[in-house]
Amino acid sequence: LAALDDVLRPIISPYELRRRIEFGSQGSFNSTVYKFYKRGWIKFVN
């Protein structure tokens, strides 16, 4: 996420992110993303 160029690709979809970094299960990925959100490390943009 930090390596994404702020000018070219400031945001990424959760689907694309999971595809690029292979997590074991969808639940594992979702819980990690939720943990990041609760800690204030990421935000969701619509």
All heavy atoms as atom14 arrays in JSON, in Angstrom:
{
  "sequence": "LAALDDVLRPIISPYELRRRIEFGSQGSFNSTVYKFYKRGWIKFVN",
  "atom14_mask": [
    [1, 1, 1, 1, 1, 1, 1, 1, 0, 0, 0, 0, 0, 0],
    [1, 1, 1, 1, 1, 0, 0, 0, 0, 0, 0, 0, 0, 0],
    [1, 1, 1, 1, 1, 0, 0, 0, 0, 0, 0, 0, 0, 0],
    [1, 1, 1, 1, 1, 1, 1, 1, 0, 0, 0, 0, 0, 0],
    [1, 1, 1, 1, 1, 1, 1, 1, 0, 0, 0, 0, 0, 0],
    [1, 1, 1, 1, 1, 1, 1, 1, 0, 0, 0, 0, 0, 0],
    [1, 1, 1, 1, 1, 1, 1, 0, 0, 0, 0, 0, 0, 0],
    [1, 1, 1, 1, 1, 1, 1, 1, 0, 0, 0, 0, 0, 0],
    [1, 1, 1, 1, 1, 1, 1, 1, 1, 1, 1, 0, 0, 0],
    [1, 1, 1, 1, 1, 1, 1, 0, 0, 0, 0, 0, 0, 0],
    [1, 1, 1, 1, 1, 1, 1, 1, 0, 0, 0, 0, 0, 0],
    [1, 1, 1, 1, 1, 1, 1, 1, 0, 0, 0, 0, 0, 0],
    [1, 1, 1, 1, 1, 1, 0, 0, 0, 0, 0, 0, 0, 0],
    [1, 1, 1, 1, 1, 1, 1, 0, 0, 0, 0, 0, 0, 0],
    [1, 1, 1, 1, 1, 1, 1, 1, 1, 1, 1, 1, 0, 0],
    [1, 1, 1, 1, 1, 1, 1, 1, 1, 0, 0, 0, 0, 0],
    [1, 1, 1, 1, 1, 1, 1, 1, 0, 0, 0, 0, 0, 0],
    [1, 1, 1, 1, 1, 1, 1, 1, 1, 1, 1, 0, 0, 0],
    [1, 1, 1, 1, 1, 1, 1, 1, 1, 1, 1, 0, 0, 0],
    [1, 1, 1, 1, 1, 1, 1, 1, 1, 1, 1, 0, 0, 0],
    [1, 1, 1, 1, 1, 1, 1, 1, 0, 0, 0, 0, 0, 0],
    [1, 1, 1, 1, 1, 1, 1, 1, 1, 0, 0, 0, 0, 0],
    [1, 1, 1, 1, 1, 1, 1, 1, 1, 1, 1, 0, 0, 0],
    [1, 1, 1, 1, 0, 0, 0, 0, 0, 0, 0, 0, 0, 0],
    [1, 1, 1, 1, 1, 1, 0, 0, 0, 0, 0, 0, 0, 0],
    [1, 1, 1, 1, 1, 1, 1, 1, 1, 0, 0, 0, 0, 0],
    [1, 1, 1, 1, 0, 0, 0, 0, 0, 0, 0, 0, 0, 0],
    [1, 1, 1, 1, 1, 1, 0, 0, 0, 0, 0, 0, 0, 0],
    [1, 1, 1, 1, 1, 1, 1, 1, 1, 1, 1, 0, 0, 0],
    [1, 1, 1, 1, 1, 1, 1, 1, 0, 0, 0, 0, 0, 0],
    [1, 1, 1, 1, 1, 1, 0, 0, 0, 0, 0, 0, 0, 0],
    [1, 1, 1, 1, 1, 1, 1, 0, 0, 0, 0, 0, 0, 0],
    [1, 1, 1, 1, 1, 1, 1, 0, 0, 0, 0, 0, 0, 0],
    [1, 1, 1, 1, 1, 1, 1, 1, 1, 1, 1, 1, 0, 0],
    [1, 1, 1, 1, 1, 1, 1, 1, 1, 0, 0, 0, 0, 0],
    [1, 1, 1, 1, 1, 1, 1, 1, 1, 1, 1, 0, 0, 0],
    [1, 1, 1, 1, 1, 1, 1, 1, 1, 1, 1, 1, 0, 0],
    [1, 1, 1, 1, 1, 1, 1, 1, 1, 0, 0, 0, 0, 0],
    [1, 1, 1, 1, 1, 1, 1, 1, 1, 1, 1, 0, 0, 0],
    [1, 1, 1, 1, 0, 0, 0, 0, 0, 0, 0, 0, 0, 0],
    [1, 1, 1, 1, 1, 1, 1, 1, 1, 1, 1, 1, 1, 1],
    [1, 1, 1, 1, 1, 1, 1, 1, 0, 0, 0, 0, 0, 0],
    [1, 1, 1, 1, 1, 1, 1, 1, 1, 0, 0, 0, 0, 0],
    [1, 1, 1, 1, 1, 1, 1, 1, 1, 1, 1, 0, 0, 0],
    [1, 1, 1, 1, 1, 1, 1, 0, 0, 0, 0, 0, 0, 0],
    [1, 1, 1, 1, 1, 1, 1, 1, 0, 0, 0, 0, 0, 0]
  ],
  "atom14_positions": [
    [[0.83, -1.21, 0.0], [0.0, 0.0, 0.0], [0.86, 1.26, 0.0], [0.55, 2.24, -0.66], [-0.93, 0.01, 1.22], [-2.16, -0.87, 1.11], [-2.84, -0.99, 2.47], [-3.13, -0.33, 0.08], [0.0, 0.0, 0.0], [0.0, 0.0, 0.0], [0.0, 0.0, 0.0], [0.0, 0.0, 0.0], [0.0, 0.0, 0.0], [0.0, 0.0, 0.0]],
    [[1.96, 1.24, 0.74], [2.85, 2.4, 0.8], [3.56, 2.62, -0.52], [3.88, 3.75, -0.88], [3.88, 2.22, 1.91], [0.0, 0.0, 0.0], [0.0, 0.0, 0.0], [0.0, 0.0, 0.0], [0.0, 0.0, 0.0], [0.0, 0.0, 0.0], [0.0, 0.0, 0.0], [0.0, 0.0, 0.0], [0.0, 0.0, 0.0], [0.0, 0.0, 0.0]],
    [[3.81, 1.54, -1.26], [4.54, 1.65, -2.52], [3.68, 2.2, -3.65], [4.21, 2.61, -4.67], [5.1, 0.28, -2.91], [0.0, 0.0, 0.0], [0.0, 0.0, 0.0], [0.0, 0.0, 0.0], [0.0, 0.0, 0.0], [0.0, 0.0, 0.0], [0.0, 0.0, 0.0], [0.0, 0.0, 0.0], [0.0, 0.0, 0.0], [0.0, 0.0, 0.0]],
    [[2.38, 2.22, -3.47], [1.52, 2.76, -4.53], [1.85, 4.23, -4.72], [1.95, 4.99, -3.76], [0.04, 2.62, -4.15], [-0.52, 1.21, -4.1], [-1.94, 1.23, -3.58], [-0.48, 0.58, -5.47], [0.0, 0.0, 0.0], [0.0, 0.0, 0.0], [0.0, 0.0, 0.0], [0.0, 0.0, 0.0], [0.0, 0.0, 0.0], [0.0, 0.0, 0.0]],
    [[2.03, 4.64, -5.91], [2.36, 6.02, -6.21], [1.14, 6.89, -5.93], [0.08, 6.69, -6.51], [2.79, 6.13, -7.67], [3.35, 7.49, -8.0], [3.21, 8.41, -7.19], [3.94, 7.62, -9.09], [0.0, 0.0, 0.0], [0.0, 0.0, 0.0], [0.0, 0.0, 0.0], [0.0, 0.0, 0.0], [0.0, 0.0, 0.0], [0.0, 0.0, 0.0]],
    [[1.29, 7.89, -5.06], [0.17, 8.76, -4.69], [-0.42, 9.51, -5.88], [-1.59, 9.85, -5.88], [0.6, 9.76, -3.62], [0.74, 9.12, -2.26], [0.05, 8.12, -2.03], [1.53, 9.61, -1.45], [0.0, 0.0, 0.0], [0.0, 0.0, 0.0], [0.0, 0.0, 0.0], [0.0, 0.0, 0.0], [0.0, 0.0, 0.0], [0.0, 0.0, 0.0]],
    [[0.38, 9.78, -6.89], [-0.12, 10.52, -8.04], [-0.85, 9.6, -9.0], [-1.95, 9.89, -9.45], [1.04, 11.23, -8.76], [0.55, 11.92, -10.01], [1.72, 12.22, -7.83], [0.0, 0.0, 0.0], [0.0, 0.0, 0.0], [0.0, 0.0, 0.0], [0.0, 0.0, 0.0], [0.0, 0.0, 0.0], [0.0, 0.0, 0.0], [0.0, 0.0, 0.0]],
    [[-0.24, 8.45, -9.28], [-0.82, 7.56, -10.28], [-1.95, 6.7, -9.74], [-2.96, 6.53, -10.38], [0.27, 6.66, -10.87], [1.41, 7.4, -11.59], [2.46, 6.41, -12.04], [0.87, 8.17, -12.78], [0.0, 0.0, 0.0], [0.0, 0.0, 0.0], [0.0, 0.0, 0.0], [0.0, 0.0, 0.0], [0.0, 0.0, 0.0], [0.0, 0.0, 0.0]],
    [[-1.75, 6.1, -8.56], [-2.74, 5.18, -8.01], [-2.88, 5.4, -6.51], [-2.36, 4.65, -5.73], [-2.32, 3.74, -8.27], [-2.26, 3.45, -9.76], [-2.3, 2.02, -10.08], [-3.38, 1.35, -9.41], [-3.39, 0.05, -9.2], [-2.41, -0.69, -9.6], [-4.39, -0.52, -8.6], [0.0, 0.0, 0.0], [0.0, 0.0, 0.0], [0.0, 0.0, 0.0]],
    [[-3.57, 6.46, -6.13], [-3.68, 6.73, -4.7], [-4.53, 5.73, -3.93], [-4.43, 5.62, -2.74], [-4.3, 8.12, -4.64], [-5.06, 8.22, -5.92], [-4.3, 7.41, -6.93], [0.0, 0.0, 0.0], [0.0, 0.0, 0.0], [0.0, 0.0, 0.0], [0.0, 0.0, 0.0], [0.0, 0.0, 0.0], [0.0, 0.0, 0.0], [0.0, 0.0, 0.0]],
    [[-5.36, 5.0, -4.65], [-6.26, 4.06, -3.98], [-6.27, 2.75, -4.76], [-5.91, 2.69, -5.92], [-7.69, 4.64, -3.88], [-8.2, 5.11, -5.25], [-7.74, 5.77, -2.88], [-9.58, 5.7, -5.24], [0.0, 0.0, 0.0], [0.0, 0.0, 0.0], [0.0, 0.0, 0.0], [0.0, 0.0, 0.0], [0.0, 0.0, 0.0], [0.0, 0.0, 0.0]],
    [[-6.68, 1.69, -4.08], [-6.75, 0.37, -4.71], [-7.98, -0.35, -4.17], [-8.34, -0.17, -3.01], [-5.46, -0.44, -4.45], [-5.44, -1.71, -5.28], [-5.27, -0.71, -2.98], [-4.09, -2.42, -5.29], [0.0, 0.0, 0.0], [0.0, 0.0, 0.0], [0.0, 0.0, 0.0], [0.0, 0.0, 0.0], [0.0, 0.0, 0.0], [0.0, 0.0, 0.0]],
    [[-8.6, -1.14, -5.01], [-9.78, -1.87, -4.55], [-9.34, -3.04, -3.68], [-8.26, -3.61, -3.88], [-10.59, -2.39, -5.74], [-9.91, -3.45, -6.36], [0.0, 0.0, 0.0], [0.0, 0.0, 0.0], [0.0, 0.0, 0.0], [0.0, 0.0, 0.0], [0.0, 0.0, 0.0], [0.0, 0.0, 0.0], [0.0, 0.0, 0.0], [0.0, 0.0, 0.0]],
    [[-10.16, -3.42, -2.7], [-9.82, -4.57, -1.86], [-9.6, -5.84, -2.68], [-8.7, -6.63, -2.39], [-11.03, -4.71, -0.93], [-11.63, -3.36, -0.89], [-11.37, -2.76, -2.25], [0.0, 0.0, 0.0], [0.0, 0.0, 0.0], [0.0, 0.0, 0.0], [0.0, 0.0, 0.0], [0.0, 0.0, 0.0], [0.0, 0.0, 0.0], [0.0, 0.0, 0.0]],
    [[-10.38, -6.03, -3.75], [-10.23, -7.22, -4.59], [-8.84, -7.24, -5.24], [-8.15, -8.25, -5.24], [-11.32, -7.25, -5.66], [-11.09, -8.35, -6.68], [-11.39, -9.68, -6.36], [-10.55, -8.07, -7.92], [-11.15, -10.7, -7.27], [-10.31, -9.09, -8.83], [-10.61, -10.4, -8.51], [-10.37, -11.4, -9.4], [0.0, 0.0, 0.0], [0.0, 0.0, 0.0]],
    [[-8.44, -6.1, -5.81], [-7.14, -6.02, -6.49], [-6.0, -6.22, -5.48], [-5.01, -6.89, -5.76], [-7.0, -4.66, -7.18], [-5.68, -4.42, -7.85], [-5.42, -5.32, -9.06], [-6.35, -5.97, -9.56], [-4.25, -5.36, -9.49], [0.0, 0.0, 0.0], [0.0, 0.0, 0.0], [0.0, 0.0, 0.0], [0.0, 0.0, 0.0], [0.0, 0.0, 0.0]],
    [[-6.15, -5.66, -4.3], [-5.12, -5.8, -3.27], [-4.96, -7.26, -2.88], [-3.84, -7.77, -2.78], [-5.48, -4.95, -2.06], [-4.48, -4.93, -0.93], [-3.14, -4.37, -1.4], [-5.01, -4.08, 0.22], [0.0, 0.0, 0.0], [0.0, 0.0, 0.0], [0.0, 0.0, 0.0], [0.0, 0.0, 0.0], [0.0, 0.0, 0.0], [0.0, 0.0, 0.0]],
    [[-6.06, -7.95, -2.65], [-5.99, -9.36, -2.27], [-5.38, -10.21, -3.39], [-4.64, -11.13, -3.15], [-7.37, -9.9, -1.91], [-7.27, -11.33, -1.4], [-8.6, -11.87, -0.96], [-8.46, -13.1, -0.23], [-8.02, -14.25, -0.74], [-7.62, -14.32, -1.97], [-7.94, -15.33, 0.02], [0.0, 0.0, 0.0], [0.0, 0.0, 0.0], [0.0, 0.0, 0.0]],
    [[-5.69, -9.86, -4.63], [-5.13, -10.58, -5.78], [-3.61, -10.43, -5.84], [-2.89, -11.37, -6.14], [-5.75, -10.06, -7.07], [-5.41, -10.91, -8.28], [-6.02, -10.36, -9.56], [-5.43, -9.11, -10.0], [-4.22, -8.99, -10.56], [-3.48, -10.04, -10.74], [-3.78, -7.81, -10.95], [0.0, 0.0, 0.0], [0.0, 0.0, 0.0], [0.0, 0.0, 0.0]],
    [[-3.11, -9.25, -5.5], [-1.66, -9.01, -5.6], [-0.87, -9.6, -4.45], [0.29, -9.92, -4.6], [-1.4, -7.52, -5.69], [-1.96, -6.97, -6.98], [-1.33, -5.7, -7.33], [-1.9, -5.25, -8.6], [-1.35, -4.35, -9.35], [-0.24, -3.8, -8.99], [-1.92, -3.99, -10.46], [0.0, 0.0, 0.0], [0.0, 0.0, 0.0], [0.0, 0.0, 0.0]],
    [[-1.49, -9.71, -3.29], [-0.82, -10.31, -2.14], [-1.67, -11.5, -1.72], [-2.76, -11.33, -1.19], [-0.68, -9.31, -0.97], [0.17, -8.14, -1.41], [-0.07, -9.99, 0.24], [0.27, -7.04, -0.42], [0.0, 0.0, 0.0], [0.0, 0.0, 0.0], [0.0, 0.0, 0.0], [0.0, 0.0, 0.0], [0.0, 0.0, 0.0], [0.0, 0.0, 0.0]],
    [[-1.16, -12.68, -1.95], [-1.94, -13.9, -1.74], [-2.05, -14.21, -0.25], [-1.07, -14.55, 0.4], [-1.3, -15.07, -2.48], [-2.17, -16.3, -2.49], [-3.58, -16.05, -3.01], [-3.74, -15.36, -4.04], [-4.52, -16.54, -2.39], [0.0, 0.0, 0.0], [0.0, 0.0, 0.0], [0.0, 0.0, 0.0], [0.0, 0.0, 0.0], [0.0, 0.0, 0.0]],
    [[-3.24, -14.05, 0.29], [-3.55, -14.43, 1.66], [-4.11, -15.83, 1.64], [-4.61, -16.28, 0.61], [-4.58, -13.46, 2.26], [-3.97, -12.3, 2.99], [-3.37, -11.28, 2.3], [-3.99, -12.26, 4.37], [-2.8, -10.21, 2.95], [-3.43, -11.2, 5.04], [-2.83, -10.17, 4.33], [0.0, 0.0, 0.0], [0.0, 0.0, 0.0], [0.0, 0.0, 0.0]],
    [[-4.07, -16.49, 2.78], [-4.59, -17.84, 2.86], [-6.06, -17.91, 2.52], [-6.47, -18.54, 1.55], [0.0, 0.0, 0.0], [0.0, 0.0, 0.0], [0.0, 0.0, 0.0], [0.0, 0.0, 0.0], [0.0, 0.0, 0.0], [0.0, 0.0, 0.0], [0.0, 0.0, 0.0], [0.0, 0.0, 0.0], [0.0, 0.0, 0.0], [0.0, 0.0, 0.0]],
    [[-6.89, -17.23, 3.27], [-8.32, -17.29, 3.04], [-8.89, -15.88, 2.94], [-8.26, -14.92, 3.36], [-9.01, -18.02, 4.2], [-8.91, -17.25, 5.37], [0.0, 0.0, 0.0], [0.0, 0.0, 0.0], [0.0, 0.0, 0.0], [0.0, 0.0, 0.0], [0.0, 0.0, 0.0], [0.0, 0.0, 0.0], [0.0, 0.0, 0.0], [0.0, 0.0, 0.0]],
    [[-10.07, -15.77, 2.41], [-10.74, -14.48, 2.31], [-10.98, -13.9, 3.71], [-10.83, -12.71, 3.93], [-12.06, -14.61, 1.54], [-12.8, -13.31, 1.34], [-12.09, -12.35, 0.41], [-11.44, -12.77, -0.54], [-12.2, -11.07, 0.67], [0.0, 0.0, 0.0], [0.0, 0.0, 0.0], [0.0, 0.0, 0.0], [0.0, 0.0, 0.0], [0.0, 0.0, 0.0]],
    [[-11.34, -14.78, 4.65], [-11.57, -14.32, 6.02], [-10.32, -13.74, 6.66], [-10.38, -12.73, 7.37], [0.0, 0.0, 0.0], [0.0, 0.0, 0.0], [0.0, 0.0, 0.0], [0.0, 0.0, 0.0], [0.0, 0.0, 0.0], [0.0, 0.0, 0.0], [0.0, 0.0, 0.0], [0.0, 0.0, 0.0], [0.0, 0.0, 0.0], [0.0, 0.0, 0.0]],
    [[-9.18, -14.35, 6.4], [-7.91, -13.85, 6.92], [-7.6, -12.46, 6.36], [-7.19, -11.56, 7.08], [-6.8, -14.83, 6.56], [-5.54, -14.28, 6.81], [0.0, 0.0, 0.0], [0.0, 0.0, 0.0], [0.0, 0.0, 0.0], [0.0, 0.0, 0.0], [0.0, 0.0, 0.0], [0.0, 0.0, 0.0], [0.0, 0.0, 0.0], [0.0, 0.0, 0.0]],
    [[-7.83, -12.31, 5.06], [-7.6, -11.01, 4.42], [-8.56, -9.97, 4.99], [-8.15, -8.87, 5.36], [-7.8, -11.14, 2.91], [-7.72, -9.83, 2.19], [-6.49, -9.24, 1.94], [-8.87, -9.2, 1.75], [-6.41, -8.03, 1.27], [-8.8, -7.99, 1.08], [-7.57, -7.4, 0.85], [0.0, 0.0, 0.0], [0.0, 0.0, 0.0], [0.0, 0.0, 0.0]],
    [[-9.83, -10.3, 5.09], [-10.83, -9.36, 5.6], [-10.53, -8.94, 7.03], [-10.67, -7.76, 7.37], [-12.23, -9.97, 5.52], [-12.73, -10.09, 4.1], [-12.2, -9.47, 3.19], [-13.74, -10.92, 3.9], [0.0, 0.0, 0.0], [0.0, 0.0, 0.0], [0.0, 0.0, 0.0], [0.0, 0.0, 0.0], [0.0, 0.0, 0.0], [0.0, 0.0, 0.0]],
    [[-10.12, -9.89, 7.87], [-9.83, -9.52, 9.26], [-8.6, -8.62, 9.34], [-8.56, -7.71, 10.17], [-9.66, -10.77, 10.13], [-8.49, -11.45, 9.81], [0.0, 0.0, 0.0], [0.0, 0.0, 0.0], [0.0, 0.0, 0.0], [0.0, 0.0, 0.0], [0.0, 0.0, 0.0], [0.0, 0.0, 0.0], [0.0, 0.0, 0.0], [0.0, 0.0, 0.0]],
    [[-7.61, -8.84, 8.47], [-6.43, -7.97, 8.46], [-6.8, -6.56, 8.02], [-6.39, -5.58, 8.63], [-5.34, -8.55, 7.53], [-4.98, -9.85, 8.01], [-4.11, -7.67, 7.52], [0.0, 0.0, 0.0], [0.0, 0.0, 0.0], [0.0, 0.0, 0.0], [0.0, 0.0, 0.0], [0.0, 0.0, 0.0], [0.0, 0.0, 0.0], [0.0, 0.0, 0.0]],
    [[-7.59, -6.45, 6.97], [-8.04, -5.14, 6.49], [-8.86, -4.45, 7.57], [-8.67, -3.25, 7.82], [-8.82, -5.27, 5.17], [-9.52, -3.97, 4.8], [-7.89, -5.71, 4.05], [0.0, 0.0, 0.0], [0.0, 0.0, 0.0], [0.0, 0.0, 0.0], [0.0, 0.0, 0.0], [0.0, 0.0, 0.0], [0.0, 0.0, 0.0], [0.0, 0.0, 0.0]],
    [[-9.73, -5.16, 8.24], [-10.54, -4.58, 9.31], [-9.65, -4.1, 10.46], [-9.86, -3.02, 11.01], [-11.58, -5.59, 9.8], [-12.46, -5.06, 10.89], [-13.45, -4.11, 10.61], [-12.31, -5.47, 12.21], [-14.25, -3.6, 11.6], [-13.11, -4.96, 13.21], [-14.07, -4.02, 12.91], [-14.86, -3.51, 13.9], [0.0, 0.0, 0.0], [0.0, 0.0, 0.0]],
    [[-8.65, -4.9, 10.8], [-7.71, -4.52, 11.86], [-6.97, -3.22, 11.48], [-6.82, -2.33, 12.31], [-6.71, -5.66, 12.1], [-5.66, -5.37, 13.14], [-4.79, -6.58, 13.44], [-3.93, -6.92, 12.26], [-2.95, -7.98, 12.52], [0.0, 0.0, 0.0], [0.0, 0.0, 0.0], [0.0, 0.0, 0.0], [0.0, 0.0, 0.0], [0.0, 0.0, 0.0]],
    [[-6.55, -3.12, 10.23], [-5.89, -1.9, 9.75], [-6.82, -0.69, 9.86], [-6.4, 0.39, 10.26], [-5.44, -2.05, 8.3], [-4.25, -2.93, 8.08], [-3.66, -3.65, 9.11], [-3.71, -3.06, 6.82], [-2.57, -4.46, 8.89], [-2.61, -3.87, 6.59], [-2.04, -4.58, 7.64], [0.0, 0.0, 0.0], [0.0, 0.0, 0.0], [0.0, 0.0, 0.0]],
    [[-8.07, -0.9, 9.52], [-9.06, 0.18, 9.58], [-9.27, 0.63, 11.03], [-9.28, 1.83, 11.31], [-10.37, -0.29, 8.95], [-11.49, 0.71, 9.1], [-11.5, 1.86, 8.33], [-12.51, 0.49, 10.01], [-12.52, 2.79, 8.47], [-13.54, 1.41, 10.15], [-13.54, 2.57, 9.38], [-14.53, 3.48, 9.53], [0.0, 0.0, 0.0], [0.0, 0.0, 0.0]],
    [[-9.43, -0.31, 11.93], [-9.66, 0.02, 13.34], [-8.46, 0.76, 13.95], [-8.63, 1.6, 14.83], [-9.96, -1.24, 14.17], [-11.3, -1.84, 13.89], [-12.42, -0.88, 14.16], [-13.02, -1.11, 15.51], [-14.14, -0.24, 15.78], [0.0, 0.0, 0.0], [0.0, 0.0, 0.0], [0.0, 0.0, 0.0], [0.0, 0.0, 0.0], [0.0, 0.0, 0.0]],
    [[-7.26, 0.43, 13.5], [-6.05, 1.09, 14.0], [-5.79, 2.43, 13.33], [-4.87, 3.14, 13.71], [-4.84, 0.18, 13.82], [-4.89, -1.03, 14.71], [-3.68, -1.88, 14.53], [-3.74, -3.02, 15.43], [-2.88, -4.01, 15.43], [-1.88, -4.02, 14.57], [-3.0, -5.0, 16.27], [0.0, 0.0, 0.0], [0.0, 0.0, 0.0], [0.0, 0.0, 0.0]],
    [[-6.57, 2.76, 12.32], [-6.4, 4.04, 11.63], [-5.3, 4.02, 10.58], [-4.83, 5.08, 10.17], [0.0, 0.0, 0.0], [0.0, 0.0, 0.0], [0.0, 0.0, 0.0], [0.0, 0.0, 0.0], [0.0, 0.0, 0.0], [0.0, 0.0, 0.0], [0.0, 0.0, 0.0], [0.0, 0.0, 0.0], [0.0, 0.0, 0.0], [0.0, 0.0, 0.0]],
    [[-4.91, 2.85, 10.13], [-3.83, 2.75, 9.14], [-4.35, 2.91, 7.72], [-3.6, 3.29, 6.83], [-3.11, 1.42, 9.26], [-2.39, 1.22, 10.56], [-2.19, 2.14, 11.54], [-1.79, 0.02, 11.02], [-1.51, 1.58, 12.6], [-1.25, 0.27, 12.29], [-1.67, -1.25, 10.48], [-0.58, -0.69, 13.04], [-1.0, -2.21, 11.23], [-0.46, -1.93, 12.49]],
    [[-5.62, 2.58, 7.49], [-6.22, 2.73, 6.18], [-7.57, 3.41, 6.33], [-8.13, 3.46, 7.42], [-6.42, 1.38, 5.44], [-7.35, 0.46, 6.23], [-5.09, 0.73, 5.12], [-7.76, -0.8, 5.5], [0.0, 0.0, 0.0], [0.0, 0.0, 0.0], [0.0, 0.0, 0.0], [0.0, 0.0, 0.0], [0.0, 0.0, 0.0], [0.0, 0.0, 0.0]],
    [[-8.05, 3.94, 5.23], [-9.42, 4.44, 5.2], [-10.05, 3.96, 3.91], [-9.36, 3.61, 2.95], [-9.47, 5.96, 5.32], [-8.84, 6.72, 4.19], [-8.92, 8.21, 4.45], [-8.24, 8.98, 3.33], [-8.28, 10.41, 3.56], [0.0, 0.0, 0.0], [0.0, 0.0, 0.0], [0.0, 0.0, 0.0], [0.0, 0.0, 0.0], [0.0, 0.0, 0.0]],
    [[-11.37, 3.88, 3.91], [-12.11, 3.45, 2.74], [-12.61, 4.68, 2.0], [-13.08, 5.63, 2.62], [-13.28, 2.54, 3.13], [-12.83, 1.26, 3.76], [-12.99, 1.05, 5.12], [-12.24, 0.26, 2.99], [-12.57, -0.13, 5.71], [-11.83, -0.92, 3.57], [-11.98, -1.12, 4.93], [0.0, 0.0, 0.0], [0.0, 0.0, 0.0], [0.0, 0.0, 0.0]],
    [[-12.5, 4.64, 0.69], [-12.93, 5.74, -0.16], [-13.91, 5.19, -1.17], [-13.63, 4.19, -1.83], [-11.71, 6.36, -0.89], [-12.14, 7.48, -1.8], [-10.66, 6.82, 0.09], [0.0, 0.0, 0.0], [0.0, 0.0, 0.0], [0.0, 0.0, 0.0], [0.0, 0.0, 0.0], [0.0, 0.0, 0.0], [0.0, 0.0, 0.0], [0.0, 0.0, 0.0]],
    [[-15.07, 5.84, -1.29], [-16.06, 5.43, -2.3], [-15.91, 6.35, -3.5], [-15.9, 7.58, -3.37], [-17.48, 5.53, -1.74], [-17.7, 4.5, -0.66], [-17.25, 3.36, -0.78], [-18.38, 4.89, 0.4], [0.0, 0.0, 0.0], [0.0, 0.0, 0.0], [0.0, 0.0, 0.0], [0.0, 0.0, 0.0], [0.0, 0.0, 0.0], [0.0, 0.0, 0.0]]
  ]
}
